[in-house]
Amino acid sequence: GAGHVITVASMAASAVIERRRRATAGAHGEE
C-alpha cells in the first residue's frame, strides 16, 4: 500500500516536470 501511494506521487512529479520543460520552450518562442 505504501508503494502505491509513492507511485502516485511519482506520476504527479513527472507531470510537473514535463509542464516546466514545455514552459521553457514557450518562453523561448520555440514551442
PDB file of all heavy atoms in Angstrom:
ATOM      1  N   GLY A   1       0.811  -1.212   0.000  1.00  0.00           N
ATOM      2  CA  GLY A   1       0.000   0.000   0.000  1.00  0.00           C
ATOM      3  C   GLY A   1       0.847   1.265   0.000  1.00  0.00           C
ATOM      4  O   GLY A   1       0.541   2.229  -0.717  1.00  0.00           O
ATOM      5  N   ALA A   2       1.920   1.271   0.799  1.00  0.00           N
ATOM      6  CA  ALA A   2       2.816   2.426   0.799  1.00  0.00           C
ATOM      7  C   ALA A   2       3.462   2.620  -0.567  1.00  0.00           C
ATOM      8  O   ALA A   2       3.649   3.751  -1.034  1.00  0.00           O
ATOM      9  CB  ALA A   2       3.901   2.245   1.878  1.00  0.00           C
ATOM     10  N   GLY A   3       3.793   1.512  -1.236  1.00  0.00           N
ATOM     11  CA  GLY A   3       4.344   1.607  -2.584  1.00  0.00           C
ATOM     12  C   GLY A   3       3.367   2.219  -3.559  1.00  0.00           C
ATOM     13  O   GLY A   3       3.756   2.996  -4.451  1.00  0.00           O
ATOM     14  N   HIS A   4       2.076   1.894  -3.428  1.00  0.00           N
ATOM     15  CA  HIS A   4       1.042   2.502  -4.268  1.00  0.00           C
ATOM     16  C   HIS A   4       1.037   4.018  -4.107  1.00  0.00           C
ATOM     17  O   HIS A   4       0.984   4.770  -5.093  1.00  0.00           O
ATOM     18  CB  HIS A   4      -0.329   1.946  -3.885  1.00  0.00           C
ATOM     19  CG  HIS A   4      -0.668   0.640  -4.521  1.00  0.00           C
ATOM     20  ND1 HIS A   4      -1.542   0.519  -5.574  1.00  0.00           N
ATOM     21  CD2 HIS A   4      -0.253  -0.621  -4.239  1.00  0.00           C
ATOM     22  CE1 HIS A   4      -1.665  -0.755  -5.921  1.00  0.00           C
ATOM     23  NE2 HIS A   4      -0.888  -1.471  -5.114  1.00  0.00           N
ATOM     24  N   VAL A   5       1.067   4.489  -2.860  1.00  0.00           N
ATOM     25  CA  VAL A   5       0.995   5.930  -2.586  1.00  0.00           C
ATOM     26  C   VAL A   5       2.194   6.664  -3.191  1.00  0.00           C
ATOM     27  O   VAL A   5       2.045   7.721  -3.821  1.00  0.00           O
ATOM     28  CB  VAL A   5       0.934   6.173  -1.069  1.00  0.00           C
ATOM     29  CG1 VAL A   5       1.025   7.667  -0.757  1.00  0.00           C
ATOM     30  CG2 VAL A   5      -0.362   5.606  -0.489  1.00  0.00           C
ATOM     31  N   ILE A   6       3.391   6.106  -3.030  1.00  0.00           N
ATOM     32  CA  ILE A   6       4.588   6.753  -3.558  1.00  0.00           C
ATOM     33  C   ILE A   6       4.568   6.769  -5.088  1.00  0.00           C
ATOM     34  O   ILE A   6       5.043   7.722  -5.721  1.00  0.00           O
ATOM     35  CB  ILE A   6       5.852   6.055  -3.021  1.00  0.00           C
ATOM     36  CG1 ILE A   6       5.920   6.214  -1.500  1.00  0.00           C
ATOM     37  CG2 ILE A   6       7.110   6.630  -3.661  1.00  0.00           C
ATOM     38  CD1 ILE A   6       7.089   5.507  -0.865  1.00  0.00           C
ATOM     39  N   THR A   7       3.990   5.750  -5.699  1.00  0.00           N
ATOM     40  CA  THR A   7       3.890   5.727  -7.157  1.00  0.00           C
ATOM     41  C   THR A   7       2.956   6.827  -7.655  1.00  0.00           C
ATOM     42  O   THR A   7       3.203   7.430  -8.707  1.00  0.00           O
ATOM     43  CB  THR A   7       3.403   4.353  -7.640  1.00  0.00           C
ATOM     44  OG1 THR A   7       4.296   3.339  -7.160  1.00  0.00           O
ATOM     45  CG2 THR A   7       3.348   4.290  -9.154  1.00  0.00           C
ATOM     46  N   VAL A   8       1.889   7.106  -6.934  1.00  0.00           N
ATOM     47  CA  VAL A   8       1.013   8.232  -7.273  1.00  0.00           C
ATOM     48  C   VAL A   8       1.814   9.532  -7.279  1.00  0.00           C
ATOM     49  O   VAL A   8       1.724  10.347  -8.219  1.00  0.00           O
ATOM     50  CB  VAL A   8      -0.163   8.329  -6.281  1.00  0.00           C
ATOM     51  CG1 VAL A   8      -0.985   9.591  -6.558  1.00  0.00           C
ATOM     52  CG2 VAL A   8      -1.064   7.100  -6.374  1.00  0.00           C
ATOM     53  N   ALA A   9       2.644   9.723  -6.236  1.00  0.00           N
ATOM     54  CA  ALA A   9       3.477  10.929  -6.153  1.00  0.00           C
ATOM     55  C   ALA A   9       4.477  10.987  -7.303  1.00  0.00           C
ATOM     56  O   ALA A   9       4.777  12.067  -7.832  1.00  0.00           O
ATOM     57  CB  ALA A   9       4.215  10.961  -4.808  1.00  0.00           C
ATOM     58  N   SER A  10       4.996   9.842  -7.706  1.00  0.00           N
ATOM     59  CA  SER A  10       5.963   9.805  -8.806  1.00  0.00           C
ATOM     60  C   SER A  10       5.335  10.262 -10.116  1.00  0.00           C
ATOM     61  O   SER A  10       5.938  11.025 -10.885  1.00  0.00           O
ATOM     62  CB  SER A  10       6.519   8.380  -8.956  1.00  0.00           C
ATOM     63  OG  SER A  10       7.354   8.267 -10.090  1.00  0.00           O
ATOM     64  N   MET A  11       4.112   9.804 -10.405  1.00  0.00           N
ATOM     65  CA  MET A  11       3.436  10.219 -11.633  1.00  0.00           C
ATOM     66  C   MET A  11       3.139  11.723 -11.605  1.00  0.00           C
ATOM     67  O   MET A  11       3.298  12.417 -12.626  1.00  0.00           O
ATOM     68  CB  MET A  11       2.127   9.440 -11.811  1.00  0.00           C
ATOM     69  CG  MET A  11       2.307   7.947 -12.005  1.00  0.00           C
ATOM     70  SD  MET A  11       3.320   7.520 -13.435  1.00  0.00           S
ATOM     71  CE  MET A  11       4.677   6.670 -12.613  1.00  0.00           C
ATOM     72  N   ALA A  12       2.753  12.244 -10.460  1.00  0.00           N
ATOM     73  CA  ALA A  12       2.491  13.681 -10.333  1.00  0.00           C
ATOM     74  C   ALA A  12       3.777  14.481 -10.557  1.00  0.00           C
ATOM     75  O   ALA A  12       3.759  15.537 -11.205  1.00  0.00           O
ATOM     76  CB  ALA A  12       1.889  13.987  -8.960  1.00  0.00           C
ATOM     77  N   ALA A  13       4.899  13.982 -10.025  1.00  0.00           N
ATOM     78  CA  ALA A  13       6.181  14.669 -10.215  1.00  0.00           C
ATOM     79  C   ALA A  13       6.562  14.694 -11.688  1.00  0.00           C
ATOM     80  O   ALA A  13       7.072  15.703 -12.194  1.00  0.00           O
ATOM     81  CB  ALA A  13       7.269  13.970  -9.395  1.00  0.00           C
ATOM     82  N   SER A  14       6.326  13.597 -12.411  1.00  0.00           N
ATOM     83  CA  SER A  14       6.615  13.577 -13.851  1.00  0.00           C
ATOM     84  C   SER A  14       5.773  14.609 -14.595  1.00  0.00           C
ATOM     85  O   SER A  14       6.256  15.276 -15.521  1.00  0.00           O
ATOM     86  CB  SER A  14       6.347  12.171 -14.418  1.00  0.00           C
ATOM     87  OG  SER A  14       7.329  11.256 -14.012  1.00  0.00           O
ATOM     88  N   ALA A  15       4.513  14.762 -14.195  1.00  0.00           N
ATOM     89  CA  ALA A  15       3.638  15.747 -14.840  1.00  0.00           C
ATOM     90  C   ALA A  15       4.132  17.165 -14.599  1.00  0.00           C
ATOM     91  O   ALA A  15       4.164  17.999 -15.522  1.00  0.00           O
ATOM     92  CB  ALA A  15       2.214  15.584 -14.308  1.00  0.00           C
ATOM     93  N   VAL A  16       4.547  17.474 -13.375  1.00  0.00           N
ATOM     94  CA  VAL A  16       5.020  18.821 -13.042  1.00  0.00           C
ATOM     95  C   VAL A  16       6.302  19.147 -13.806  1.00  0.00           C
ATOM     96  O   VAL A  16       6.460  20.251 -14.359  1.00  0.00           O
ATOM     97  CB  VAL A  16       5.246  18.941 -11.519  1.00  0.00           C
ATOM     98  CG1 VAL A  16       5.940  20.256 -11.181  1.00  0.00           C
ATOM     99  CG2 VAL A  16       3.923  18.845 -10.776  1.00  0.00           C
ATOM    100  N   ILE A  17       7.223  18.189 -13.861  1.00  0.00           N
ATOM    101  CA  ILE A  17       8.499  18.428 -14.555  1.00  0.00           C
ATOM    102  C   ILE A  17       8.285  18.612 -16.055  1.00  0.00           C
ATOM    103  O   ILE A  17       8.896  19.471 -16.681  1.00  0.00           O
ATOM    104  CB  ILE A  17       9.473  17.285 -14.258  1.00  0.00           C
ATOM    105  CG1 ILE A  17       9.908  17.342 -12.794  1.00  0.00           C
ATOM    106  CG2 ILE A  17      10.678  17.325 -15.186  1.00  0.00           C
ATOM    107  CD1 ILE A  17      10.729  16.164 -12.344  1.00  0.00           C
ATOM    108  N   GLU A  18       7.402  17.810 -16.657  1.00  0.00           N
ATOM    109  CA  GLU A  18       7.126  17.950 -18.080  1.00  0.00           C
ATOM    110  C   GLU A  18       6.456  19.289 -18.366  1.00  0.00           C
ATOM    111  O   GLU A  18       6.755  19.937 -19.389  1.00  0.00           O
ATOM    112  CB  GLU A  18       6.247  16.805 -18.567  1.00  0.00           C
ATOM    113  CG  GLU A  18       5.720  16.949 -19.981  1.00  0.00           C
ATOM    114  CD  GLU A  18       6.808  17.057 -21.053  1.00  0.00           C
ATOM    115  OE1 GLU A  18       7.980  16.738 -20.759  1.00  0.00           O
ATOM    116  OE2 GLU A  18       6.488  17.478 -22.188  1.00  0.00           O
ATOM    117  N   ARG A  19       5.577  19.733 -17.488  1.00  0.00           N
ATOM    118  CA  ARG A  19       4.931  21.042 -17.685  1.00  0.00           C
ATOM    119  C   ARG A  19       5.980  22.157 -17.651  1.00  0.00           C
ATOM    120  O   ARG A  19       5.934  23.095 -18.461  1.00  0.00           O
ATOM    121  CB  ARG A  19       3.881  21.273 -16.586  1.00  0.00           C
ATOM    122  CG  ARG A  19       3.171  22.622 -16.687  1.00  0.00           C
ATOM    123  CD  ARG A  19       2.281  22.666 -17.907  1.00  0.00           C
ATOM    124  NE  ARG A  19       1.700  23.988 -18.115  1.00  0.00           N
ATOM    125  CZ  ARG A  19       2.249  24.955 -18.857  1.00  0.00           C
ATOM    126  NH1 ARG A  19       3.404  24.734 -19.462  1.00  0.00           N
ATOM    127  NH2 ARG A  19       1.647  26.104 -19.013  1.00  0.00           N
ATOM    128  N   ARG A  20       6.947  22.041 -16.748  1.00  0.00           N
ATOM    129  CA  ARG A  20       8.004  23.044 -16.649  1.00  0.00           C
ATOM    130  C   ARG A  20       8.908  22.994 -17.884  1.00  0.00           C
ATOM    131  O   ARG A  20       9.329  24.028 -18.400  1.00  0.00           O
ATOM    132  CB  ARG A  20       8.824  22.817 -15.382  1.00  0.00           C
ATOM    133  CG  ARG A  20       9.930  23.842 -15.187  1.00  0.00           C
ATOM    134  CD  ARG A  20      10.690  23.591 -13.911  1.00  0.00           C
ATOM    135  NE  ARG A  20      11.838  24.490 -13.800  1.00  0.00           N
ATOM    136  CZ  ARG A  20      12.757  24.445 -12.845  1.00  0.00           C
ATOM    137  NH1 ARG A  20      12.653  23.524 -11.896  1.00  0.00           N
ATOM    138  NH2 ARG A  20      13.763  25.288 -12.825  1.00  0.00           N
ATOM    139  N   ARG A  21       9.211  21.779 -18.367  1.00  0.00           N
ATOM    140  CA  ARG A  21      10.060  21.651 -19.567  1.00  0.00           C
ATOM    141  C   ARG A  21       9.405  22.309 -20.775  1.00  0.00           C
ATOM    142  O   ARG A  21      10.039  23.052 -21.524  1.00  0.00           O
ATOM    143  CB  ARG A  21      10.325  20.171 -19.866  1.00  0.00           C
ATOM    144  CG  ARG A  21      11.255  19.952 -21.053  1.00  0.00           C
ATOM    145  CD  ARG A  21      11.112  18.565 -21.642  1.00  0.00           C
ATOM    146  NE  ARG A  21       9.840  18.357 -22.310  1.00  0.00           N
ATOM    147  CZ  ARG A  21       9.562  18.772 -23.545  1.00  0.00           C
ATOM    148  NH1 ARG A  21      10.459  19.457 -24.246  1.00  0.00           N
ATOM    149  NH2 ARG A  21       8.374  18.551 -24.084  1.00  0.00           N
ATOM    150  N   ARG A  22       8.120  22.051 -20.935  1.00  0.00           N
ATOM    151  CA  ARG A  22       7.422  22.620 -22.090  1.00  0.00           C
ATOM    152  C   ARG A  22       7.264  24.128 -21.961  1.00  0.00           C
ATOM    153  O   ARG A  22       7.242  24.855 -22.971  1.00  0.00           O
ATOM    154  CB  ARG A  22       6.051  21.948 -22.252  1.00  0.00           C
ATOM    155  CG  ARG A  22       5.600  21.852 -23.697  1.00  0.00           C
ATOM    156  CD  ARG A  22       4.415  20.950 -23.825  1.00  0.00           C
ATOM    157  NE  ARG A  22       3.322  21.329 -22.951  1.00  0.00           N
ATOM    158  CZ  ARG A  22       2.483  22.349 -23.194  1.00  0.00           C
ATOM    159  NH1 ARG A  22       2.636  23.085 -24.277  1.00  0.00           N
ATOM    160  NH2 ARG A  22       1.522  22.622 -22.350  1.00  0.00           N
ATOM    161  N   ALA A  23       7.180  24.620 -20.705  1.00  0.00           N
ATOM    162  CA  ALA A  23       7.073  26.061 -20.488  1.00  0.00           C
ATOM    163  C   ALA A  23       8.345  26.777 -20.933  1.00  0.00           C
ATOM    164  O   ALA A  23       8.291  27.924 -21.413  1.00  0.00           O
ATOM    165  CB  ALA A  23       6.798  26.348 -19.018  1.00  0.00           C
ATOM    166  N   THR A  24       9.494  26.123 -20.793  1.00  0.00           N
ATOM    167  CA  THR A  24      10.739  26.755 -21.244  1.00  0.00           C
ATOM    168  C   THR A  24      10.755  26.922 -22.759  1.00  0.00           C
ATOM    169  O   THR A  24      11.323  27.883 -23.274  1.00  0.00           O
ATOM    170  CB  THR A  24      11.966  25.924 -20.811  1.00  0.00           C
ATOM    171  OG1 THR A  24      11.895  24.616 -21.406  1.00  0.00           O
ATOM    172  CG2 THR A  24      12.020  25.776 -19.301  1.00  0.00           C
ATOM    173  N   ALA A  25      10.122  25.958 -23.468  1.00  0.00           N
ATOM    174  CA  ALA A  25      10.034  26.093 -24.926  1.00  0.00           C
ATOM    175  C   ALA A  25       9.187  27.308 -25.296  1.00  0.00           C
ATOM    176  O   ALA A  25       9.536  28.090 -26.193  1.00  0.00           O
ATOM    177  CB  ALA A  25       9.449  24.818 -25.530  1.00  0.00           C
ATOM    178  N   GLY A  26       8.070  27.502 -24.589  1.00  0.00           N
ATOM    179  CA  GLY A  26       7.220  28.658 -24.847  1.00  0.00           C
ATOM    180  C   GLY A  26       7.906  29.961 -24.513  1.00  0.00           C
ATOM    181  O   GLY A  26       7.752  30.969 -25.217  1.00  0.00           O
ATOM    182  N   ALA A  27       8.694  29.962 -23.420  1.00  0.00           N
ATOM    183  CA  ALA A  27       9.391  31.176 -23.001  1.00  0.00           C
ATOM    184  C   ALA A  27      10.437  31.599 -24.019  1.00  0.00           C
ATOM    185  O   ALA A  27      10.753  32.789 -24.146  1.00  0.00           O
ATOM    186  CB  ALA A  27      10.051  30.953 -21.638  1.00  0.00           C
ATOM    187  N   HIS A  28      10.994  30.657 -24.750  1.00  0.00           N
ATOM    188  CA  HIS A  28      11.997  30.966 -25.759  1.00  0.00           C
ATOM    189  C   HIS A  28      11.403  31.074 -27.162  1.00  0.00           C
ATOM    190  O   HIS A  28      12.126  31.187 -28.152  1.00  0.00           O
ATOM    191  CB  HIS A  28      13.096  29.892 -25.761  1.00  0.00           C
ATOM    192  CG  HIS A  28      13.996  29.942 -24.573  1.00  0.00           C
ATOM    193  ND1 HIS A  28      13.612  29.463 -23.328  1.00  0.00           N
ATOM    194  CD2 HIS A  28      15.263  30.437 -24.431  1.00  0.00           C
ATOM    195  CE1 HIS A  28      14.619  29.635 -22.476  1.00  0.00           C
ATOM    196  NE2 HIS A  28      15.615  30.231 -23.112  1.00  0.00           N
ATOM    197  N   GLY A  29      10.076  31.006 -27.251  1.00  0.00           N
ATOM    198  CA  GLY A  29       9.420  31.080 -28.550  1.00  0.00           C
ATOM    199  C   GLY A  29       9.684  29.889 -29.433  1.00  0.00           C
ATOM    200  O   GLY A  29       9.632  29.987 -30.656  1.00  0.00           O
ATOM    201  N   GLU A  30       9.978  28.774 -28.804  1.00  0.00           N
ATOM    202  CA  GLU A  30      10.336  27.568 -29.563  1.00  0.00           C
ATOM    203  C   GLU A  30       9.309  26.452 -29.421  1.00  0.00           C
ATOM    204  O   GLU A  30       9.568  25.322 -29.836  1.00  0.00           O
ATOM    205  CB  GLU A  30      11.695  27.044 -29.081  1.00  0.00           C
ATOM    206  CG  GLU A  30      12.846  27.987 -29.323  1.00  0.00           C
ATOM    207  CD  GLU A  30      13.261  28.040 -30.782  1.00  0.00           C
ATOM    208  OE1 GLU A  30      12.751  27.218 -31.566  1.00  0.00           O
ATOM    209  OE2 GLU A  30      14.084  28.900 -31.139  1.00  0.00           O
ATOM    210  N   GLU A  31       8.155  26.752 -28.837  1.00  0.00           N
ATOM    211  CA  GLU A  31       7.149  25.700 -28.662  1.00  0.00           C
ATOM    212  C   GLU A  31       6.684  25.213 -30.025  1.00  0.00           C
ATOM    213  O   GLU A  31       6.277  25.990 -30.887  1.00  0.00           O
ATOM    214  CB  GLU A  31       5.971  26.245 -27.852  1.00  0.00           C
ATOM    215  CG  GLU A  31       4.982  25.167 -27.470  1.00  0.00           C
ATOM    216  CD  GLU A  31       3.934  25.668 -26.471  1.00  0.00           C
ATOM    217  OE1 GLU A  31       3.849  26.900 -26.298  1.00  0.00           O
ATOM    218  OE2 GLU A  31       3.233  24.838 -25.878  1.00  0.00           O
TER     219      GLU A  31
END
